[in-house]
Amino acid sequence: MEEPILLPVDYKGEELEFEMKIQTGYIPRAEVLIDGIPVIFEPDNEGLYRAVQLDQSKKLDIGLLQAIAGQLETLFNPS
């Protein structure tokens, strides 16, 4: 089984770390564990990451999701 990678994210002046697993395939996807909730991120047509699958029963901070998406964009599209 694949070991998770730690994804550092700067959010509201705090350096946070989240466990992440990269899913390989046609589209590079990432599963990020946020407060025990697995959230799938994938790029749109412009290469910008977005949360596409998340547990709707729990509220996650939209700003935090955006910060994680931005870090994934930097990681997968370093140019």
PDB file of N, CA and C in Angstrom:
ATOM      1  N   MET A   1       0.837  -1.187   0.000  1.00  0.00           N
ATOM      2  CA  MET A   1       0.000   0.000   0.000  1.00  0.00           C
ATOM      3  C   MET A   1       0.884   1.254   0.000  1.00  0.00           C
ATOM      4  N   GLU A   2       0.475   2.225  -0.724  1.00  0.00           N
ATOM      5  CA  GLU A   2       1.238   3.456  -0.891  1.00  0.00           C
ATOM      6  C   GLU A   2       1.202   4.301   0.389  1.00  0.00           C
ATOM      7  N   GLU A   3       2.375   4.782   0.770  1.00  0.00           N
ATOM      8  CA  GLU A   3       2.472   5.645   1.945  1.00  0.00           C
ATOM      9  C   GLU A   3       2.009   7.054   1.593  1.00  0.00           C
ATOM     10  N   PRO A   4       1.275   7.709   2.491  1.00  0.00           N
ATOM     11  CA  PRO A   4       0.865   9.084   2.197  1.00  0.00           C
ATOM     12  C   PRO A   4       2.057  10.041   2.218  1.00  0.00           C
ATOM     13  N   ILE A   5       1.913  11.104   1.450  1.00  0.00           N
ATOM     14  CA  ILE A   5       2.898  12.184   1.381  1.00  0.00           C
ATOM     15  C   ILE A   5       2.340  13.331   2.221  1.00  0.00           C
ATOM     16  N   LEU A   6       3.201  14.066   2.900  1.00  0.00           N
ATOM     17  CA  LEU A   6       2.733  15.232   3.645  1.00  0.00           C
ATOM     18  C   LEU A   6       2.734  16.446   2.724  1.00  0.00           C
ATOM     19  N   LEU A   7       1.591  17.094   2.640  1.00  0.00           N
ATOM     20  CA  LEU A   7       1.419  18.286   1.809  1.00  0.00           C
ATOM     21  C   LEU A   7       1.402  19.511   2.720  1.00  0.00           C
ATOM     22  N   PRO A   8       2.438  20.365   2.655  1.00  0.00           N
ATOM     23  CA  PRO A   8       2.435  21.584   3.470  1.00  0.00           C
ATOM     24  C   PRO A   8       1.562  22.654   2.814  1.00  0.00           C
ATOM     25  N   VAL A   9       0.747  23.319   3.632  1.00  0.00           N
ATOM     26  CA  VAL A   9      -0.145  24.371   3.140  1.00  0.00           C
ATOM     27  C   VAL A   9      -0.093  25.536   4.114  1.00  0.00           C
ATOM     28  N   ASP A  10       0.165  26.727   3.579  1.00  0.00           N
ATOM     29  CA  ASP A  10       0.133  27.938   4.400  1.00  0.00           C
ATOM     30  C   ASP A  10      -1.293  28.481   4.346  1.00  0.00           C
ATOM     31  N   TYR A  11      -1.958  28.554   5.509  1.00  0.00           N
ATOM     32  CA  TYR A  11      -3.342  29.023   5.555  1.00  0.00           C
ATOM     33  C   TYR A  11      -3.536  29.909   6.774  1.00  0.00           C
ATOM     34  N   LYS A  12      -3.946  31.132   6.523  1.00  0.00           N
ATOM     35  CA  LYS A  12      -4.176  32.129   7.574  1.00  0.00           C
ATOM     36  C   LYS A  12      -2.949  32.298   8.465  1.00  0.00           C
ATOM     37  N   GLY A  13      -1.772  32.325   7.815  1.00  0.00           N
ATOM     38  CA  GLY A  13      -0.529  32.539   8.540  1.00  0.00           C
ATOM     39  C   GLY A  13      -0.030  31.323   9.297  1.00  0.00           C
ATOM     40  N   GLU A  14      -0.675  30.189   9.136  1.00  0.00           N
ATOM     41  CA  GLU A  14      -0.276  28.968   9.812  1.00  0.00           C
ATOM     42  C   GLU A  14       0.224  27.954   8.791  1.00  0.00           C
ATOM     43  N   GLU A  15       1.278  27.243   9.122  1.00  0.00           N
ATOM     44  CA  GLU A  15       1.793  26.186   8.246  1.00  0.00           C
ATOM     45  C   GLU A  15       1.147  24.871   8.682  1.00  0.00           C
ATOM     46  N   LEU A  16       0.272  24.349   7.832  1.00  0.00           N
ATOM     47  CA  LEU A  16      -0.445  23.105   8.116  1.00  0.00           C
ATOM     48  C   LEU A  16       0.113  21.998   7.236  1.00  0.00           C
ATOM     49  N   GLU A  17      -0.061  20.764   7.665  1.00  0.00           N
ATOM     50  CA  GLU A  17       0.335  19.616   6.863  1.00  0.00           C
ATOM     51  C   GLU A  17      -0.834  18.639   6.775  1.00  0.00           C
ATOM     52  N   PHE A  18      -1.052  18.127   5.579  1.00  0.00           N
ATOM     53  CA  PHE A  18      -2.132  17.182   5.335  1.00  0.00           C
ATOM     54  C   PHE A  18      -1.569  15.952   4.651  1.00  0.00           C
ATOM     55  N   GLU A  19      -2.096  14.791   5.022  1.00  0.00           N
ATOM     56  CA  GLU A  19      -1.708  13.565   4.336  1.00  0.00           C
ATOM     57  C   GLU A  19      -2.331  13.555   2.954  1.00  0.00           C
ATOM     58  N   MET A  20      -1.546  13.141   1.962  1.00  0.00           N
ATOM     59  CA  MET A  20      -2.023  13.141   0.583  1.00  0.00           C
ATOM     60  C   MET A  20      -1.545  11.866  -0.104  1.00  0.00           C
ATOM     61  N   LYS A  21      -2.416  11.318  -0.926  1.00  0.00           N
ATOM     62  CA  LYS A  21      -2.052  10.195  -1.791  1.00  0.00           C
ATOM     63  C   LYS A  21      -2.302  10.633  -3.220  1.00  0.00           C
ATOM     64  N   ILE A  22      -1.324  10.410  -4.082  1.00  0.00           N
ATOM     65  CA  ILE A  22      -1.458  10.770  -5.489  1.00  0.00           C
ATOM     66  C   ILE A  22      -2.047   9.580  -6.230  1.00  0.00           C
ATOM     67  N   GLN A  23      -3.071   9.853  -7.020  1.00  0.00           N
ATOM     68  CA  GLN A  23      -3.703   8.826  -7.839  1.00  0.00           C
ATOM     69  C   GLN A  23      -3.247   9.047  -9.274  1.00  0.00           C
ATOM     70  N   THR A  24      -2.499   8.094  -9.792  1.00  0.00           N
ATOM     71  CA  THR A  24      -1.989   8.231 -11.150  1.00  0.00           C
ATOM     72  C   THR A  24      -3.028   7.747 -12.151  1.00  0.00           C
ATOM     73  N   GLY A  25      -2.919   8.246 -13.335  1.00  0.00           N
ATOM     74  CA  GLY A  25      -3.835   7.892 -14.409  1.00  0.00           C
ATOM     75  C   GLY A  25      -3.813   8.991 -15.453  1.00  0.00           C
ATOM     76  N   TYR A  26      -4.855   9.056 -16.238  1.00  0.00           N
ATOM     77  CA  TYR A  26      -4.941  10.072 -17.286  1.00  0.00           C
ATOM     78  C   TYR A  26      -4.877  11.477 -16.697  1.00  0.00           C
ATOM     79  N   ILE A  27      -5.553  11.676 -15.565  1.00  0.00           N
ATOM     80  CA  ILE A  27      -5.559  12.974 -14.878  1.00  0.00           C
ATOM     81  C   ILE A  27      -4.874  12.790 -13.526  1.00  0.00           C
ATOM     82  N   PRO A  28      -3.870  13.626 -13.199  1.00  0.00           N
ATOM     83  CA  PRO A  28      -3.243  13.506 -11.881  1.00  0.00           C
ATOM     84  C   PRO A  28      -4.199  14.005 -10.796  1.00  0.00           C
ATOM     85  N   ARG A  29      -4.645  13.082  -9.973  1.00  0.00           N
ATOM     86  CA  ARG A  29      -5.566  13.423  -8.891  1.00  0.00           C
ATOM     87  C   ARG A  29      -4.852  13.243  -7.556  1.00  0.00           C
ATOM     88  N   ALA A  30      -5.361  13.901  -6.552  1.00  0.00           N
ATOM     89  CA  ALA A  30      -4.803  13.763  -5.218  1.00  0.00           C
ATOM     90  C   ALA A  30      -5.939  13.583  -4.227  1.00  0.00           C
ATOM     91  N   GLU A  31      -5.742  12.651  -3.316  1.00  0.00           N
ATOM     92  CA  GLU A  31      -6.676  12.476  -2.209  1.00  0.00           C
ATOM     93  C   GLU A  31      -6.013  13.074  -0.979  1.00  0.00           C
ATOM     94  N   VAL A  32      -6.634  14.098  -0.419  1.00  0.00           N
ATOM     95  CA  VAL A  32      -6.077  14.803   0.733  1.00  0.00           C
ATOM     96  C   VAL A  32      -6.984  14.556   1.931  1.00  0.00           C
ATOM     97  N   LEU A  33      -6.395  14.181   3.043  1.00  0.00           N
ATOM     98  CA  LEU A  33      -7.142  13.908   4.260  1.00  0.00           C
ATOM     99  C   LEU A  33      -7.225  15.193   5.088  1.00  0.00           C
ATOM    100  N   ILE A  34      -8.447  15.740   5.214  1.00  0.00           N
ATOM    101  CA  ILE A  34      -8.672  16.987   5.949  1.00  0.00           C
ATOM    102  C   ILE A  34      -9.584  16.690   7.128  1.00  0.00           C
ATOM    103  N   ASP A  35      -9.071  16.825   8.338  1.00  0.00           N
ATOM    104  CA  ASP A  35      -9.842  16.533   9.547  1.00  0.00           C
ATOM    105  C   ASP A  35     -10.513  15.164   9.469  1.00  0.00           C
ATOM    106  N   GLY A  36      -9.778  14.169   8.966  1.00  0.00           N
ATOM    107  CA  GLY A  36     -10.298  12.815   8.874  1.00  0.00           C
ATOM    108  C   GLY A  36     -11.216  12.564   7.691  1.00  0.00           C
ATOM    109  N   ILE A  37     -11.402  13.573   6.834  1.00  0.00           N
ATOM    110  CA  ILE A  37     -12.290  13.458   5.679  1.00  0.00           C
ATOM    111  C   ILE A  37     -11.436  13.391   4.413  1.00  0.00           C
ATOM    112  N   PRO A  38     -11.556  12.307   3.632  1.00  0.00           N
ATOM    113  CA  PRO A  38     -10.813  12.257   2.371  1.00  0.00           C
ATOM    114  C   PRO A  38     -11.480  13.139   1.313  1.00  0.00           C
ATOM    115  N   VAL A  39     -10.693  14.020   0.711  1.00  0.00           N
ATOM    116  CA  VAL A  39     -11.191  14.928  -0.324  1.00  0.00           C
ATOM    117  C   VAL A  39     -10.360  14.701  -1.587  1.00  0.00           C
ATOM    118  N   ILE A  40     -11.033  14.470  -2.706  1.00  0.00           N
ATOM    119  CA  ILE A  40     -10.358  14.258  -3.982  1.00  0.00           C
ATOM    120  C   ILE A  40     -10.244  15.595  -4.706  1.00  0.00           C
ATOM    121  N   PHE A  41      -9.034  15.913  -5.166  1.00  0.00           N
ATOM    122  CA  PHE A  41      -8.772  17.112  -5.956  1.00  0.00           C
ATOM    123  C   PHE A  41      -8.309  16.673  -7.340  1.00  0.00           C
ATOM    124  N   GLU A  42      -8.783  17.364  -8.378  1.00  0.00           N
ATOM    125  CA  GLU A  42      -8.310  17.106  -9.730  1.00  0.00           C
ATOM    126  C   GLU A  42      -8.303  18.414 -10.508  1.00  0.00           C
ATOM    127  N   PRO A  43      -7.503  18.469 -11.579  1.00  0.00           N
ATOM    128  CA  PRO A  43      -7.420  19.703 -12.360  1.00  0.00           C
ATOM    129  C   PRO A  43      -8.602  19.850 -13.313  1.00  0.00           C
ATOM    130  N   ASP A  44      -8.970  21.112 -13.569  1.00  0.00           N
ATOM    131  CA  ASP A  44      -9.976  21.384 -14.595  1.00  0.00           C
ATOM    132  C   ASP A  44      -9.258  21.537 -15.934  1.00  0.00           C
ATOM    133  N   ASN A  45      -9.955  21.998 -16.949  1.00  0.00           N
ATOM    134  CA  ASN A  45      -9.360  22.126 -18.292  1.00  0.00           C
ATOM    135  C   ASN A  45      -8.199  23.115 -18.351  1.00  0.00           C
ATOM    136  N   GLU A  46      -8.146  24.054 -17.419  1.00  0.00           N
ATOM    137  CA  GLU A  46      -7.078  25.051 -17.391  1.00  0.00           C
ATOM    138  C   GLU A  46      -5.920  24.637 -16.484  1.00  0.00           C
ATOM    139  N   GLY A  47      -6.022  23.462 -15.861  1.00  0.00           N
ATOM    140  CA  GLY A  47      -4.967  22.984 -14.978  1.00  0.00           C
ATOM    141  C   GLY A  47      -5.089  23.472 -13.550  1.00  0.00           C
ATOM    142  N   LEU A  48      -6.186  24.141 -13.220  1.00  0.00           N
ATOM    143  CA  LEU A  48      -6.419  24.618 -11.863  1.00  0.00           C
ATOM    144  C   LEU A  48      -7.115  23.526 -11.061  1.00  0.00           C
ATOM    145  N   TYR A  49      -6.631  23.276  -9.856  1.00  0.00           N
ATOM    146  CA  TYR A  49      -7.182  22.193  -9.049  1.00  0.00           C
ATOM    147  C   TYR A  49      -8.439  22.628  -8.311  1.00  0.00           C
ATOM    148  N   ARG A  50      -9.323  21.648  -8.104  1.00  0.00           N
ATOM    149  CA  ARG A  50     -10.587  21.880  -7.393  1.00  0.00           C
ATOM    150  C   ARG A  50     -10.951  20.595  -6.657  1.00  0.00           C
ATOM    151  N   ALA A  51     -11.704  20.752  -5.592  1.00  0.00           N
ATOM    152  CA  ALA A  51     -12.219  19.594  -4.858  1.00  0.00           C
ATOM    153  C   ALA A  51     -13.409  19.064  -5.642  1.00  0.00           C
ATOM    154  N   VAL A  52     -13.361  17.786  -6.012  1.00  0.00           N
ATOM    155  CA  VAL A  52     -14.441  17.220  -6.815  1.00  0.00           C
ATOM    156  C   VAL A  52     -15.257  16.195  -6.053  1.00  0.00           C
ATOM    157  N   GLN A  53     -14.725  15.687  -4.970  1.00  0.00           N
ATOM    158  CA  GLN A  53     -15.458  14.695  -4.201  1.00  0.00           C
ATOM    159  C   GLN A  53     -15.163  14.935  -2.738  1.00  0.00           C
ATOM    160  N   LEU A  54     -16.194  15.218  -1.994  1.00  0.00           N
ATOM    161  CA  LEU A  54     -16.003  15.382  -0.569  1.00  0.00           C
ATOM    162  C   LEU A  54     -17.278  14.992   0.156  1.00  0.00           C
ATOM    163  N   ASP A  55     -17.113  14.678   1.418  1.00  0.00           N
ATOM    164  CA  ASP A  55     -18.229  14.259   2.264  1.00  0.00           C
ATOM    165  C   ASP A  55     -19.091  15.481   2.571  1.00  0.00           C
ATOM    166  N   GLN A  56     -20.306  15.506   2.041  1.00  0.00           N
ATOM    167  CA  GLN A  56     -21.193  16.663   2.211  1.00  0.00           C
ATOM    168  C   GLN A  56     -21.782  16.750   3.617  1.00  0.00           C
ATOM    169  N   SER A  57     -21.632  15.700   4.428  1.00  0.00           N
ATOM    170  CA  SER A  57     -22.207  15.719   5.774  1.00  0.00           C
ATOM    171  C   SER A  57     -21.382  16.574   6.739  1.00  0.00           C
ATOM    172  N   LYS A  58     -20.156  16.901   6.351  1.00  0.00           N
ATOM    173  CA  LYS A  58     -19.301  17.728   7.212  1.00  0.00           C
ATOM    174  C   LYS A  58     -18.911  18.987   6.458  1.00  0.00           C
ATOM    175  N   LYS A  59     -18.907  20.092   7.143  1.00  0.00           N
ATOM    176  CA  LYS A  59     -18.537  21.370   6.535  1.00  0.00           C
ATOM    177  C   LYS A  59     -17.034  21.569   6.626  1.00  0.00           C
ATOM    178  N   LEU A  60     -16.435  21.837   5.481  1.00  0.00           N
ATOM    179  CA  LEU A  60     -15.018  22.174   5.426  1.00  0.00           C
ATOM    180  C   LEU A  60     -14.892  23.634   5.003  1.00  0.00           C
ATOM    181  N   ASP A  61     -13.881  24.285   5.512  1.00  0.00           N
ATOM    182  CA  ASP A  61     -13.625  25.694   5.218  1.00  0.00           C
ATOM    183  C   ASP A  61     -13.266  25.853   3.736  1.00  0.00           C
ATOM    184  N   ILE A  62     -14.058  26.630   3.007  1.00  0.00           N
ATOM    185  CA  ILE A  62     -13.832  26.859   1.574  1.00  0.00           C
ATOM    186  C   ILE A  62     -12.446  27.462   1.341  1.00  0.00           C
ATOM    187  N   GLY A  63     -12.050  28.384   2.181  1.00  0.00           N
ATOM    188  CA  GLY A  63     -10.733  29.007   2.047  1.00  0.00           C
ATOM    189  C   GLY A  63      -9.617  27.985   2.186  1.00  0.00           C
ATOM    190  N   LEU A  64      -9.783  27.027   3.084  1.00  0.00           N
ATOM    191  CA  LEU A  64      -8.794  25.976   3.263  1.00  0.00           C
ATOM    192  C   LEU A  64      -8.741  25.095   2.014  1.00  0.00           C
ATOM    193  N   LEU A  65      -9.895  24.742   1.463  1.00  0.00           N
ATOM    194  CA  LEU A  65      -9.926  23.949   0.227  1.00  0.00           C
ATOM    195  C   LEU A  65      -9.223  24.695  -0.904  1.00  0.00           C
ATOM    196  N   GLN A  66      -9.429  26.004  -0.990  1.00  0.00           N
ATOM    197  CA  GLN A  66      -8.779  26.810  -2.022  1.00  0.00           C
ATOM    198  C   GLN A  66      -7.263  26.861  -1.813  1.00  0.00           C
ATOM    199  N   ALA A  67      -6.837  26.953  -0.558  1.00  0.00           N
ATOM    200  CA  ALA A  67      -5.403  26.977  -0.256  1.00  0.00           C
ATOM    201  C   ALA A  67      -4.745  25.649  -0.637  1.00  0.00           C
ATOM    202  N   ILE A  68      -5.425  24.547  -0.346  1.00  0.00           N
ATOM    203  CA  ILE A  68      -4.901  23.233  -0.711  1.00  0.00           C
ATOM    204  C   ILE A  68      -4.836  23.101  -2.229  1.00  0.00           C
ATOM    205  N   ALA A  69      -5.890  23.532  -2.919  1.00  0.00           N
ATOM    206  CA  ALA A  69      -5.914  23.486  -4.386  1.00  0.00           C
ATOM    207  C   ALA A  69      -4.755  24.297  -4.964  1.00  0.00           C
ATOM    208  N   GLY A  70      -4.498  25.462  -4.408  1.00  0.00           N
ATOM    209  CA  GLY A  70      -3.392  26.300  -4.872  1.00  0.00           C
ATOM    210  C   GLY A  70      -2.047  25.627  -4.670  1.00  0.00           C
ATOM    211  N   GLN A  71      -1.884  24.952  -3.553  1.00  0.00           N
ATOM    212  CA  GLN A  71      -0.625  24.245  -3.299  1.00  0.00           C
ATOM    213  C   GLN A  71      -0.462  23.082  -4.273  1.00  0.00           C
ATOM    214  N   LEU A  72      -1.549  22.390  -4.593  1.00  0.00           N
ATOM    215  CA  LEU A  72      -1.488  21.296  -5.565  1.00  0.00           C
ATOM    216  C   LEU A  72      -1.120  21.815  -6.949  1.00  0.00           C
ATOM    217  N   GLU A  73      -1.657  22.976  -7.312  1.00  0.00           N
ATOM    218  CA  GLU A  73      -1.306  23.587  -8.605  1.00  0.00           C
ATOM    219  C   GLU A  73       0.189  23.865  -8.668  1.00  0.00           C
ATOM    220  N   THR A  74       0.731  24.384  -7.598  1.00  0.00           N
ATOM    221  CA  THR A  74       2.172  24.658  -7.522  1.00  0.00           C
ATOM    222  C   THR A  74       2.978  23.375  -7.613  1.00  0.00           C
ATOM    223  N   LEU A  75       2.499  22.347  -6.956  1.00  0.00           N
ATOM    224  CA  LEU A  75       3.199  21.070  -6.934  1.00  0.00           C
ATOM    225  C   LEU A  75       3.185  20.386  -8.304  1.00  0.00           C
ATOM    226  N   PHE A  76       2.011  20.348  -8.955  1.00  0.00           N
ATOM    227  CA  PHE A  76       1.879  19.630 -10.214  1.00  0.00           C
ATOM    228  C   PHE A  76       2.197  20.481 -11.438  1.00  0.00           C
ATOM    229  N   ASN A  77       2.121  21.808 -11.320  1.00  0.00           N
ATOM    230  CA  ASN A  77       2.405  22.722 -12.433  1.00  0.00           C
ATOM    231  C   ASN A  77       3.426  23.753 -11.976  1.00  0.00           C
ATOM    232  N   PRO A  78       4.679  23.358 -11.766  1.00  0.00           N
ATOM    233  CA  PRO A  78       5.658  24.270 -11.155  1.00  0.00           C
ATOM    234  C   PRO A  78       6.113  25.434 -12.038  1.00  0.00           C
ATOM    235  N   SER A  79       5.687  25.504 -13.280  1.00  0.00           N
ATOM    236  CA  SER A  79       6.182  26.563 -14.170  1.00  0.00           C
ATOM    237  C   SER A  79       5.752  27.924 -13.795  1.00  0.00           C
TER     238      SER A  79
END
